Amino acid sequence: MPFYQMLCITAHYKEYRHIKDLVQMSAKHVMNAGGVVRNINYWGTQTLPQRMQRHQQYYNTGDYWTMHFDTSPRTLRTLGGIMRRDPRVIRWTMLKLGEKVEDVVKPPEKTV
């Protein structure tokens, strides 16, 4: 299975519960389809580089988080559809980091 990274910017809410629910839903979607979630990082609340519009609302701040996971391309497409329809999501992108472990992990440097 290919290895992916998803970077997501979500609308900032005073309650952390909204982000937690979105992250759990995303991770469960990948795992229920037979994928593996490797890492989830929360980058915190940040001011957006410019005012962004999504679902007929404007945002100046957002919560940034990333998720590293292995999954099939079909599951990746359905996860993209979920992100597209969710009103909490402002922006997201998914990057393919590699096809095999060797593509992602750098070989150790050789000493002379």
PDB file of N, CA and C in Angstrom:
ATOM      1  N   MET A   1       0.837  -1.181   0.000  1.00  0.00           N
ATOM      2  CA  MET A   1       0.000   0.000   0.000  1.00  0.00           C
ATOM      3  C   MET A   1       0.880   1.242   0.000  1.00  0.00           C
ATOM      4  N   PRO A   2       0.488   2.234  -0.736  1.00  0.00           N
ATOM      5  CA  PRO A   2       1.252   3.484  -0.751  1.00  0.00           C
ATOM      6  C   PRO A   2       1.166   4.225   0.591  1.00  0.00           C
ATOM      7  N   PHE A   3       2.190   5.011   0.866  1.00  0.00           N
ATOM      8  CA  PHE A   3       2.301   5.787   2.094  1.00  0.00           C
ATOM      9  C   PHE A   3       1.963   7.242   1.778  1.00  0.00           C
ATOM     10  N   TYR A   4       1.015   7.832   2.512  1.00  0.00           N
ATOM     11  CA  TYR A   4       0.534   9.180   2.241  1.00  0.00           C
ATOM     12  C   TYR A   4       0.668  10.076   3.468  1.00  0.00           C
ATOM     13  N   GLN A   5       0.689  11.380   3.203  1.00  0.00           N
ATOM     14  CA  GLN A   5       0.599  12.381   4.253  1.00  0.00           C
ATOM     15  C   GLN A   5      -0.553  13.308   3.907  1.00  0.00           C
ATOM     16  N   MET A   6      -1.423  13.556   4.883  1.00  0.00           N
ATOM     17  CA  MET A   6      -2.511  14.504   4.688  1.00  0.00           C
ATOM     18  C   MET A   6      -2.277  15.692   5.611  1.00  0.00           C
ATOM     19  N   LEU A   7      -2.282  16.889   5.044  1.00  0.00           N
ATOM     20  CA  LEU A   7      -2.223  18.127   5.815  1.00  0.00           C
ATOM     21  C   LEU A   7      -3.607  18.751   5.748  1.00  0.00           C
ATOM     22  N   CYS A   8      -4.155  19.087   6.898  1.00  0.00           N
ATOM     23  CA  CYS A   8      -5.520  19.599   6.953  1.00  0.00           C
ATOM     24  C   CYS A   8      -5.566  20.879   7.783  1.00  0.00           C
ATOM     25  N   ILE A   9      -6.300  21.858   7.284  1.00  0.00           N
ATOM     26  CA  ILE A   9      -6.578  23.088   8.021  1.00  0.00           C
ATOM     27  C   ILE A   9      -8.073  23.078   8.320  1.00  0.00           C
ATOM     28  N   THR A  10      -8.409  23.123   9.598  1.00  0.00           N
ATOM     29  CA  THR A  10      -9.812  23.078   9.998  1.00  0.00           C
ATOM     30  C   THR A  10     -10.220  24.406  10.625  1.00  0.00           C
ATOM     31  N   ALA A  11     -11.506  24.665  10.620  1.00  0.00           N
ATOM     32  CA  ALA A  11     -12.036  25.875  11.252  1.00  0.00           C
ATOM     33  C   ALA A  11     -11.740  25.821  12.744  1.00  0.00           C
ATOM     34  N   HIS A  12     -11.370  26.961  13.304  1.00  0.00           N
ATOM     35  CA  HIS A  12     -11.033  27.010  14.728  1.00  0.00           C
ATOM     36  C   HIS A  12     -12.302  27.151  15.567  1.00  0.00           C
ATOM     37  N   TYR A  13     -12.460  26.238  16.511  1.00  0.00           N
ATOM     38  CA  TYR A  13     -13.560  26.274  17.465  1.00  0.00           C
ATOM     39  C   TYR A  13     -12.977  26.403  18.862  1.00  0.00           C
ATOM     40  N   LYS A  14     -13.745  26.989  19.773  1.00  0.00           N
ATOM     41  CA  LYS A  14     -13.268  27.122  21.151  1.00  0.00           C
ATOM     42  C   LYS A  14     -13.123  25.760  21.809  1.00  0.00           C
ATOM     43  N   GLU A  15     -13.965  24.827  21.411  1.00  0.00           N
ATOM     44  CA  GLU A  15     -13.912  23.479  21.976  1.00  0.00           C
ATOM     45  C   GLU A  15     -13.029  22.598  21.097  1.00  0.00           C
ATOM     46  N   TYR A  16     -12.153  21.850  21.722  1.00  0.00           N
ATOM     47  CA  TYR A  16     -11.240  20.961  21.010  1.00  0.00           C
ATOM     48  C   TYR A  16     -11.974  19.751  20.430  1.00  0.00           C
ATOM     49  N   ARG A  17     -13.170  19.487  20.919  1.00  0.00           N
ATOM     50  CA  ARG A  17     -13.944  18.299  20.533  1.00  0.00           C
ATOM     51  C   ARG A  17     -14.177  18.212  19.025  1.00  0.00           C
ATOM     52  N   HIS A  18     -14.393  19.345  18.354  1.00  0.00           N
ATOM     53  CA  HIS A  18     -14.687  19.341  16.917  1.00  0.00           C
ATOM     54  C   HIS A  18     -13.505  18.805  16.106  1.00  0.00           C
ATOM     55  N   ILE A  19     -12.299  19.214  16.467  1.00  0.00           N
ATOM     56  CA  ILE A  19     -11.110  18.736  15.755  1.00  0.00           C
ATOM     57  C   ILE A  19     -10.869  17.268  16.080  1.00  0.00           C
ATOM     58  N   LYS A  20     -11.029  16.923  17.346  1.00  0.00           N
ATOM     59  CA  LYS A  20     -10.821  15.535  17.771  1.00  0.00           C
ATOM     60  C   LYS A  20     -11.760  14.594  17.017  1.00  0.00           C
ATOM     61  N   ASP A  21     -13.022  14.976  16.868  1.00  0.00           N
ATOM     62  CA  ASP A  21     -13.984  14.142  16.145  1.00  0.00           C
ATOM     63  C   ASP A  21     -13.597  13.975  14.679  1.00  0.00           C
ATOM     64  N   LEU A  22     -13.131  15.058  14.048  1.00  0.00           N
ATOM     65  CA  LEU A  22     -12.726  14.995  12.645  1.00  0.00           C
ATOM     66  C   LEU A  22     -11.504  14.101  12.462  1.00  0.00           C
ATOM     67  N   VAL A  23     -10.522  14.227  13.352  1.00  0.00           N
ATOM     68  CA  VAL A  23      -9.313  13.400  13.260  1.00  0.00           C
ATOM     69  C   VAL A  23      -9.660  11.933  13.486  1.00  0.00           C
ATOM     70  N   GLN A  24     -10.485  11.650  14.484  1.00  0.00           N
ATOM     71  CA  GLN A  24     -10.892  10.268  14.745  1.00  0.00           C
ATOM     72  C   GLN A  24     -11.665   9.691  13.569  1.00  0.00           C
ATOM     73  N   MET A  25     -12.557  10.468  12.984  1.00  0.00           N
ATOM     74  CA  MET A  25     -13.333   9.990  11.845  1.00  0.00           C
ATOM     75  C   MET A  25     -12.411   9.668  10.670  1.00  0.00           C
ATOM     76  N   SER A  26     -11.425  10.536  10.415  1.00  0.00           N
ATOM     77  CA  SER A  26     -10.487  10.310   9.311  1.00  0.00           C
ATOM     78  C   SER A  26      -9.650   9.057   9.550  1.00  0.00           C
ATOM     79  N   ALA A  27      -9.134   8.907  10.760  1.00  0.00           N
ATOM     80  CA  ALA A  27      -8.305   7.747  11.081  1.00  0.00           C
ATOM     81  C   ALA A  27      -9.124   6.457  11.020  1.00  0.00           C
ATOM     82  N   LYS A  28     -10.343   6.473  11.533  1.00  0.00           N
ATOM     83  CA  LYS A  28     -11.188   5.276  11.498  1.00  0.00           C
ATOM     84  C   LYS A  28     -11.560   4.903  10.071  1.00  0.00           C
ATOM     85  N   HIS A  29     -11.761   5.901   9.214  1.00  0.00           N
ATOM     86  CA  HIS A  29     -12.073   5.621   7.812  1.00  0.00           C
ATOM     87  C   HIS A  29     -10.922   4.858   7.156  1.00  0.00           C
ATOM     88  N   VAL A  30      -9.698   5.290   7.414  1.00  0.00           N
ATOM     89  CA  VAL A  30      -8.526   4.614   6.848  1.00  0.00           C
ATOM     90  C   VAL A  30      -8.394   3.205   7.426  1.00  0.00           C
ATOM     91  N   MET A  31      -8.534   3.069   8.745  1.00  0.00           N
ATOM     92  CA  MET A  31      -8.349   1.760   9.386  1.00  0.00           C
ATOM     93  C   MET A  31      -9.465   0.782   9.030  1.00  0.00           C
ATOM     94  N   ASN A  32     -10.698   1.251   8.894  1.00  0.00           N
ATOM     95  CA  ASN A  32     -11.806   0.363   8.525  1.00  0.00           C
ATOM     96  C   ASN A  32     -11.659  -0.179   7.112  1.00  0.00           C
ATOM     97  N   ALA A  33     -10.908   0.527   6.276  1.00  0.00           N
ATOM     98  CA  ALA A  33     -10.674   0.073   4.902  1.00  0.00           C
ATOM     99  C   ALA A  33      -9.409  -0.778   4.793  1.00  0.00           C
ATOM    100  N   GLY A  34      -8.804  -1.133   5.926  1.00  0.00           N
ATOM    101  CA  GLY A  34      -7.620  -1.987   5.908  1.00  0.00           C
ATOM    102  C   GLY A  34      -6.307  -1.234   5.891  1.00  0.00           C
ATOM    103  N   GLY A  35      -6.337   0.074   6.051  1.00  0.00           N
ATOM    104  CA  GLY A  35      -5.118   0.877   6.061  1.00  0.00           C
ATOM    105  C   GLY A  35      -4.522   0.972   7.457  1.00  0.00           C
ATOM    106  N   VAL A  36      -3.377   1.630   7.535  1.00  0.00           N
ATOM    107  CA  VAL A  36      -2.666   1.795   8.800  1.00  0.00           C
ATOM    108  C   VAL A  36      -2.364   3.276   8.990  1.00  0.00           C
ATOM    109  N   VAL A  37      -2.748   3.822  10.143  1.00  0.00           N
ATOM    110  CA  VAL A  37      -2.407   5.204  10.484  1.00  0.00           C
ATOM    111  C   VAL A  37      -1.099   5.166  11.252  1.00  0.00           C
ATOM    112  N   ARG A  38      -0.084   5.827  10.736  1.00  0.00           N
ATOM    113  CA  ARG A  38       1.254   5.794  11.330  1.00  0.00           C
ATOM    114  C   ARG A  38       1.484   6.904  12.345  1.00  0.00           C
ATOM    115  N   ASN A  39       0.938   8.090  12.075  1.00  0.00           N
ATOM    116  CA  ASN A  39       1.254   9.228  12.926  1.00  0.00           C
ATOM    117  C   ASN A  39       0.196  10.311  12.730  1.00  0.00           C
ATOM    118  N   ILE A  40      -0.152  10.992  13.822  1.00  0.00           N
ATOM    119  CA  ILE A  40      -1.035  12.154  13.763  1.00  0.00           C
ATOM    120  C   ILE A  40      -0.365  13.259  14.565  1.00  0.00           C
ATOM    121  N   ASN A  41      -0.188  14.423  13.952  1.00  0.00           N
ATOM    122  CA  ASN A  41       0.441  15.568  14.618  1.00  0.00           C
ATOM    123  C   ASN A  41      -0.506  16.756  14.580  1.00  0.00           C
ATOM    124  N   TYR A  42      -0.649  17.413  15.725  1.00  0.00           N
ATOM    125  CA  TYR A  42      -1.438  18.641  15.811  1.00  0.00           C
ATOM    126  C   TYR A  42      -0.462  19.805  15.848  1.00  0.00           C
ATOM    127  N   TRP A  43      -0.552  20.704  14.886  1.00  0.00           N
ATOM    128  CA  TRP A  43       0.378  21.836  14.785  1.00  0.00           C
ATOM    129  C   TRP A  43      -0.125  23.072  15.508  1.00  0.00           C
ATOM    130  N   GLY A  44      -1.347  23.061  15.974  1.00  0.00           N
ATOM    131  CA  GLY A  44      -1.871  24.181  16.742  1.00  0.00           C
ATOM    132  C   GLY A  44      -2.722  25.133  15.913  1.00  0.00           C
ATOM    133  N   THR A  45      -3.200  26.157  16.602  1.00  0.00           N
ATOM    134  CA  THR A  45      -4.013  27.191  15.968  1.00  0.00           C
ATOM    135  C   THR A  45      -3.092  28.270  15.423  1.00  0.00           C
ATOM    136  N   GLN A  46      -3.292  28.629  14.166  1.00  0.00           N
ATOM    137  CA  GLN A  46      -2.449  29.632  13.529  1.00  0.00           C
ATOM    138  C   GLN A  46      -3.317  30.589  12.718  1.00  0.00           C
ATOM    139  N   THR A  47      -2.802  31.801  12.563  1.00  0.00           N
ATOM    140  CA  THR A  47      -3.449  32.759  11.674  1.00  0.00           C
ATOM    141  C   THR A  47      -3.191  32.318  10.242  1.00  0.00           C
ATOM    142  N   LEU A  48      -4.221  32.304   9.437  1.00  0.00           N
ATOM    143  CA  LEU A  48      -4.079  31.873   8.047  1.00  0.00           C
ATOM    144  C   LEU A  48      -3.308  32.928   7.251  1.00  0.00           C
ATOM    145  N   PRO A  49      -2.550  32.515   6.235  1.00  0.00           N
ATOM    146  CA  PRO A  49      -1.775  33.481   5.453  1.00  0.00           C
ATOM    147  C   PRO A  49      -2.644  34.515   4.735  1.00  0.00           C
ATOM    148  N   GLN A  50      -3.868  34.149   4.464  1.00  0.00           N
ATOM    149  CA  GLN A  50      -4.833  35.077   3.872  1.00  0.00           C
ATOM    150  C   GLN A  50      -6.223  34.608   4.280  1.00  0.00           C
ATOM    151  N   ARG A  51      -7.192  35.474   4.151  1.00  0.00           N
ATOM    152  CA  ARG A  51      -8.564  35.100   4.485  1.00  0.00           C
ATOM    153  C   ARG A  51      -9.022  34.025   3.506  1.00  0.00           C
ATOM    154  N   MET A  52      -9.584  32.938   4.035  1.00  0.00           N
ATOM    155  CA  MET A  52     -10.009  31.815   3.197  1.00  0.00           C
ATOM    156  C   MET A  52     -11.514  31.625   3.308  1.00  0.00           C
ATOM    157  N   GLN A  53     -12.108  31.212   2.194  1.00  0.00           N
ATOM    158  CA  GLN A  53     -13.540  30.954   2.165  1.00  0.00           C
ATOM    159  C   GLN A  53     -13.776  29.477   1.898  1.00  0.00           C
ATOM    160  N   ARG A  54     -14.689  28.903   2.662  1.00  0.00           N
ATOM    161  CA  ARG A  54     -15.085  27.513   2.455  1.00  0.00           C
ATOM    162  C   ARG A  54     -16.512  27.349   2.963  1.00  0.00           C
ATOM    163  N   HIS A  55     -17.357  26.702   2.194  1.00  0.00           N
ATOM    164  CA  HIS A  55     -18.758  26.458   2.567  1.00  0.00           C
ATOM    165  C   HIS A  55     -19.460  27.765   2.932  1.00  0.00           C
ATOM    166  N   GLN A  56     -19.243  28.797   2.139  1.00  0.00           N
ATOM    167  CA  GLN A  56     -19.897  30.100   2.265  1.00  0.00           C
ATOM    168  C   GLN A  56     -19.578  30.813   3.576  1.00  0.00           C
ATOM    169  N   GLN A  57     -18.413  30.528   4.167  1.00  0.00           N
ATOM    170  CA  GLN A  57     -17.957  31.224   5.365  1.00  0.00           C
ATOM    171  C   GLN A  57     -16.513  31.646   5.160  1.00  0.00           C
ATOM    172  N   TYR A  58     -16.119  32.733   5.824  1.00  0.00           N
ATOM    173  CA  TYR A  58     -14.751  33.228   5.747  1.00  0.00           C
ATOM    174  C   TYR A  58     -14.025  32.923   7.048  1.00  0.00           C
ATOM    175  N   TYR A  59     -12.726  32.608   6.932  1.00  0.00           N
ATOM    176  CA  TYR A  59     -11.915  32.230   8.082  1.00  0.00           C
ATOM    177  C   TYR A  59     -10.613  33.020   8.081  1.00  0.00           C
ATOM    178  N   ASN A  60     -10.186  33.446   9.272  1.00  0.00           N
ATOM    179  CA  ASN A  60      -8.902  34.119   9.452  1.00  0.00           C
ATOM    180  C   ASN A  60      -7.922  33.272  10.247  1.00  0.00           C
ATOM    181  N   THR A  61      -8.426  32.342  11.055  1.00  0.00           N
ATOM    182  CA  THR A  61      -7.574  31.437  11.828  1.00  0.00           C
ATOM    183  C   THR A  61      -8.031  30.010  11.582  1.00  0.00           C
ATOM    184  N   GLY A  62      -7.106  29.083  11.770  1.00  0.00           N
ATOM    185  CA  GLY A  62      -7.428  27.676  11.572  1.00  0.00           C
ATOM    186  C   GLY A  62      -6.531  26.788  12.400  1.00  0.00           C
ATOM    187  N   ASP A  63      -6.963  25.568  12.594  1.00  0.00           N
ATOM    188  CA  ASP A  63      -6.180  24.564  13.307  1.00  0.00           C
ATOM    189  C   ASP A  63      -5.530  23.650  12.277  1.00  0.00           C
ATOM    190  N   TYR A  64      -4.216  23.494  12.378  1.00  0.00           N
ATOM    191  CA  TYR A  64      -3.444  22.686  11.439  1.00  0.00           C
ATOM    192  C   TYR A  64      -3.144  21.331  12.067  1.00  0.00           C
ATOM    193  N   TRP A  65      -3.290  20.255  11.284  1.00  0.00           N
ATOM    194  CA  TRP A  65      -2.885  18.923  11.736  1.00  0.00           C
ATOM    195  C   TRP A  65      -2.512  18.066  10.537  1.00  0.00           C
ATOM    196  N   THR A  66      -1.677  17.064  10.794  1.00  0.00           N
ATOM    197  CA  THR A  66      -1.243  16.148   9.740  1.00  0.00           C
ATOM    198  C   THR A  66      -1.505  14.714  10.167  1.00  0.00           C
ATOM    199  N   MET A  67      -1.656  13.857   9.175  1.00  0.00           N
ATOM    200  CA  MET A  67      -1.819  12.427   9.427  1.00  0.00           C
ATOM    201  C   MET A  67      -1.005  11.670   8.384  1.00  0.00           C
ATOM    202  N   HIS A  68      -0.145  10.754   8.839  1.00  0.00           N
ATOM    203  CA  HIS A  68       0.621   9.877   7.954  1.00  0.00           C
ATOM    204  C   HIS A  68      -0.053   8.506   7.981  1.00  0.00           C
ATOM    205  N   PHE A  69      -0.294   7.934   6.800  1.00  0.00           N
ATOM    206  CA  PHE A  69      -1.028   6.672   6.765  1.00  0.00           C
ATOM    207  C   PHE A  69      -0.714   5.897   5.494  1.00  0.00           C
ATOM    208  N   ASP A  70      -0.942   4.586   5.556  1.00  0.00           N
ATOM    209  CA  ASP A  70      -0.859   3.687   4.408  1.00  0.00           C
ATOM    210  C   ASP A  70      -2.286   3.281   4.059  1.00  0.00           C
ATOM    211  N   THR A  71      -2.635   3.389   2.794  1.00  0.00           N
ATOM    212  CA  THR A  71      -3.973   2.981   2.369  1.00  0.00           C
ATOM    213  C   THR A  71      -4.008   2.792   0.860  1.00  0.00           C
ATOM    214  N   SER A  72      -5.098   2.259   0.381  1.00  0.00           N
ATOM    215  CA  SER A  72      -5.259   2.048  -1.059  1.00  0.00           C
ATOM    216  C   SER A  72      -5.713   3.349  -1.728  1.00  0.00           C
ATOM    217  N   PRO A  73      -5.474   3.489  -3.026  1.00  0.00           N
ATOM    218  CA  PRO A  73      -5.931   4.689  -3.739  1.00  0.00           C
ATOM    219  C   PRO A  73      -7.448   4.888  -3.692  1.00  0.00           C
ATOM    220  N   ARG A  74      -8.202   3.814  -3.663  1.00  0.00           N
ATOM    221  CA  ARG A  74      -9.664   3.928  -3.581  1.00  0.00           C
ATOM    222  C   ARG A  74     -10.076   4.570  -2.250  1.00  0.00           C
ATOM    223  N   THR A  75      -9.458   4.145  -1.162  1.00  0.00           N
ATOM    224  CA  THR A  75      -9.760   4.731   0.141  1.00  0.00           C
ATOM    225  C   THR A  75      -9.335   6.193   0.180  1.00  0.00           C
ATOM    226  N   LEU A  76      -8.243   6.513  -0.483  1.00  0.00           N
ATOM    227  CA  LEU A  76      -7.774   7.898  -0.546  1.00  0.00           C
ATOM    228  C   LEU A  76      -8.818   8.792  -1.229  1.00  0.00           C
ATOM    229  N   ARG A  77      -9.423   8.298  -2.296  1.00  0.00           N
ATOM    230  CA  ARG A  77     -10.464   9.067  -2.987  1.00  0.00           C
ATOM    231  C   ARG A  77     -11.688   9.279  -2.095  1.00  0.00           C
ATOM    232  N   THR A  78     -12.105   8.247  -1.373  1.00  0.00           N
ATOM    233  CA  THR A  78     -13.276   8.401  -0.506  1.00  0.00           C
ATOM    234  C   THR A  78     -12.966   9.331   0.669  1.00  0.00           C
ATOM    235  N   LEU A  79     -11.737   9.288   1.176  1.00  0.00           N
ATOM    236  CA  LEU A  79     -11.343  10.204   2.249  1.00  0.00           C
ATOM    237  C   LEU A  79     -11.360  11.647   1.739  1.00  0.00           C
ATOM    238  N   GLY A  80     -10.926  11.856   0.509  1.00  0.00           N
ATOM    239  CA  GLY A  80     -10.998  13.187  -0.093  1.00  0.00           C
ATOM    240  C   GLY A  80     -12.431  13.681  -0.215  1.00  0.00           C
ATOM    241  N   GLY A  81     -13.351  12.783  -0.536  1.00  0.00           N
ATOM    242  CA  GLY A  81     -14.764  13.155  -0.603  1.00  0.00           C
ATOM    243  C   GLY A  81     -15.323  13.544   0.753  1.00  0.00           C
ATOM    244  N   ILE A  82     -14.892  12.835   1.787  1.00  0.00           N
ATOM    245  CA  ILE A  82     -15.328  13.173   3.147  1.00  0.00           C
ATOM    246  C   ILE A  82     -14.819  14.556   3.530  1.00  0.00           C
ATOM    247  N   MET A  83     -13.555  14.831   3.243  1.00  0.00           N
ATOM    248  CA  MET A  83     -12.972  16.142   3.561  1.00  0.00           C
ATOM    249  C   MET A  83     -13.680  17.261   2.783  1.00  0.00           C
ATOM    250  N   ARG A  84     -14.040  16.982   1.545  1.00  0.00           N
ATOM    251  CA  ARG A  84     -14.697  17.979   0.697  1.00  0.00           C
ATOM    252  C   ARG A  84     -16.072  18.361   1.255  1.00  0.00           C
ATOM    253  N   ARG A  85     -16.797  17.390   1.791  1.00  0.00           N
ATOM    254  CA  ARG A  85     -18.159  17.644   2.270  1.00  0.00           C
ATOM    255  C   ARG A  85     -18.226  18.151   3.711  1.00  0.00           C
ATOM    256  N   ASP A  86     -17.167  17.947   4.492  1.00  0.00           N
ATOM    257  CA  ASP A  86     -17.204  18.300   5.916  1.00  0.00           C
ATOM    258  C   ASP A  86     -17.110  19.822   6.099  1.00  0.00           C
ATOM    259  N   PRO A  87     -18.058  20.441   6.788  1.00  0.00           N
ATOM    260  CA  PRO A  87     -18.024  21.899   6.952  1.00  0.00           C
ATOM    261  C   PRO A  87     -16.916  22.392   7.877  1.00  0.00           C
ATOM    262  N   ARG A  88     -16.290  21.508   8.657  1.00  0.00           N
ATOM    263  CA  ARG A  88     -15.199  21.921   9.548  1.00  0.00           C
ATOM    264  C   ARG A  88     -13.886  22.107   8.808  1.00  0.00           C
ATOM    265  N   VAL A  89     -13.756  21.526   7.615  1.00  0.00           N
ATOM    266  CA  VAL A  89     -12.497  21.538   6.869  1.00  0.00           C
ATOM    267  C   VAL A  89     -12.431  22.778   5.979  1.00  0.00           C
ATOM    268  N   ILE A  90     -11.325  23.531   6.115  1.00  0.00           N
ATOM    269  CA  ILE A  90     -11.106  24.703   5.258  1.00  0.00           C
ATOM    270  C   ILE A  90     -10.291  24.296   4.035  1.00  0.00           C
ATOM    271  N   ARG A  91      -9.145  23.674   4.258  1.00  0.00           N
ATOM    272  CA  ARG A  91      -8.273  23.207   3.174  1.00  0.00           C
ATOM    273  C   ARG A  91      -7.638  21.885   3.598  1.00  0.00           C
ATOM    274  N   TRP A  92      -7.294  21.065   2.611  1.00  0.00           N
ATOM    275  CA  TRP A  92      -6.559  19.833   2.857  1.00  0.00           C
ATOM    276  C   TRP A  92      -5.794  19.475   1.601  1.00  0.00           C
ATOM    277  N   THR A  93      -4.744  18.713   1.790  1.00  0.00           N
ATOM    278  CA  THR A  93      -4.005  18.166   0.658  1.00  0.00           C
ATOM    279  C   THR A  93      -3.427  16.827   1.077  1.00  0.00           C
ATOM    280  N   MET A  94      -3.304  15.932   0.119  1.00  0.00           N
ATOM    281  CA  MET A  94      -2.741  14.614   0.381  1.00  0.00           C
ATOM    282  C   MET A  94      -1.555  14.404  -0.543  1.00  0.00           C
ATOM    283  N   LEU A  95      -0.438  14.028   0.050  1.00  0.00           N
ATOM    284  CA  LEU A  95       0.797  13.816  -0.695  1.00  0.00           C
ATOM    285  C   LEU A  95       1.194  12.355  -0.618  1.00  0.00           C
ATOM    286  N   LYS A  96       1.582  11.793  -1.736  1.00  0.00           N
ATOM    287  CA  LYS A  96       2.086  10.426  -1.752  1.00  0.00           C
ATOM    288  C   LYS A  96       3.575  10.485  -1.438  1.00  0.00           C
ATOM    289  N   LEU A  97       3.974   9.881  -0.317  1.00  0.00           N
ATOM    290  CA  LEU A  97       5.367   9.922   0.104  1.00  0.00           C
ATOM    291  C   LEU A  97       6.181   8.785  -0.479  1.00  0.00           C
ATOM    292  N   GLY A  98       5.536   7.676  -0.793  1.00  0.00           N
ATOM    293  CA  GLY A  98       6.266   6.559  -1.367  1.00  0.00           C
ATOM    294  C   GLY A  98       5.396   5.337  -1.533  1.00  0.00           C
ATOM    295  N   GLU A  99       5.929   4.400  -2.309  1.00  0.00           N
ATOM    296  CA  GLU A  99       5.219   3.152  -2.577  1.00  0.00           C
ATOM    297  C   GLU A  99       5.668   2.054  -1.615  1.00  0.00           C
ATOM    298  N   LYS A 100       6.954   2.081  -1.249  1.00  0.00           N
ATOM    299  CA  LYS A 100       7.533   1.071  -0.361  1.00  0.00           C
ATOM    300  C   LYS A 100       8.229   1.767   0.801  1.00  0.00           C
ATOM    301  N   VAL A 101       8.582   0.981   1.794  1.00  0.00           N
ATOM    302  CA  VAL A 101       9.295   1.524   2.950  1.00  0.00           C
ATOM    303  C   VAL A 101      10.633   2.115   2.522  1.00  0.00           C
ATOM    304  N   GLU A 102      11.281   1.502   1.556  1.00  0.00           N
ATOM    305  CA  GLU A 102      12.583   1.977   1.089  1.00  0.00           C
ATOM    306  C   GLU A 102      12.480   3.374   0.472  1.00  0.00           C
ATOM    307  N   ASP A 103      11.316   3.710  -0.074  1.00  0.00           N
ATOM    308  CA  ASP A 103      11.129   5.034  -0.662  1.00  0.00           C
ATOM    309  C   ASP A 103      11.055   6.123   0.403  1.00  0.00           C
ATOM    310  N   VAL A 104      10.580   5.768   1.586  1.00  0.00           N
ATOM    311  CA  VAL A 104      10.341   6.744   2.639  1.00  0.00           C
ATOM    312  C   VAL A 104      11.525   6.861   3.588  1.00  0.00           C
ATOM    313  N   VAL A 105      12.111   5.722   3.962  1.00  0.00           N
ATOM    314  CA  VAL A 105      13.217   5.709   4.915  1.00  0.00           C
ATOM    315  C   VAL A 105      14.525   5.888   4.166  1.00  0.00           C
ATOM    316  N   LYS A 106      15.322   6.848   4.623  1.00  0.00           N
ATOM    317  CA  LYS A 106      16.617   7.074   3.992  1.00  0.00           C
ATOM    318  C   LYS A 106      17.606   6.023   4.488  1.00  0.00           C
ATOM    319  N   PRO A 107      18.452   5.507   3.600  1.00  0.00           N
ATOM    320  CA  PRO A 107      19.447   4.538   4.050  1.00  0.00           C
ATOM    321  C   PRO A 107      20.469   5.227   4.950  1.00  0.00           C
ATOM    322  N   PRO A 108      21.032   4.486   5.905  1.00  0.00           N
ATOM    323  CA  PRO A 108      22.020   5.106   6.792  1.00  0.00           C
ATOM    324  C   PRO A 108      23.254   5.539   6.005  1.00  0.00           C
ATOM    325  N   GLU A 109      23.842   6.649   6.447  1.00  0.00           N
ATOM    326  CA  GLU A 109      25.041   7.137   5.779  1.00  0.00           C
ATOM    327  C   GLU A 109      26.213   6.224   6.101  1.00  0.00           C
ATOM    328  N   LYS A 110      27.039   6.011   5.101  1.00  0.00           N
ATOM    329  CA  LYS A 110      28.205   5.152   5.290  1.00  0.00           C
ATOM    330  C   LYS A 110      29.381   6.004   5.736  1.00  0.00           C
ATOM    331  N   THR A 111      30.070   5.525   6.727  1.00  0.00           N
ATOM    332  CA  THR A 111      31.266   6.233   7.181  1.00  0.00           C
ATOM    333  C   THR A 111      32.479   5.669   6.477  1.00  0.00           C
ATOM    334  N   VAL A 112      33.459   6.494   6.314  1.00  0.00           N
ATOM    335  CA  VAL A 112      34.658   6.080   5.589  1.00  0.00           C
ATOM    336  C   VAL A 112      35.626   5.417   6.510  1.00  0.00           C
TER     337      VAL A 112
END
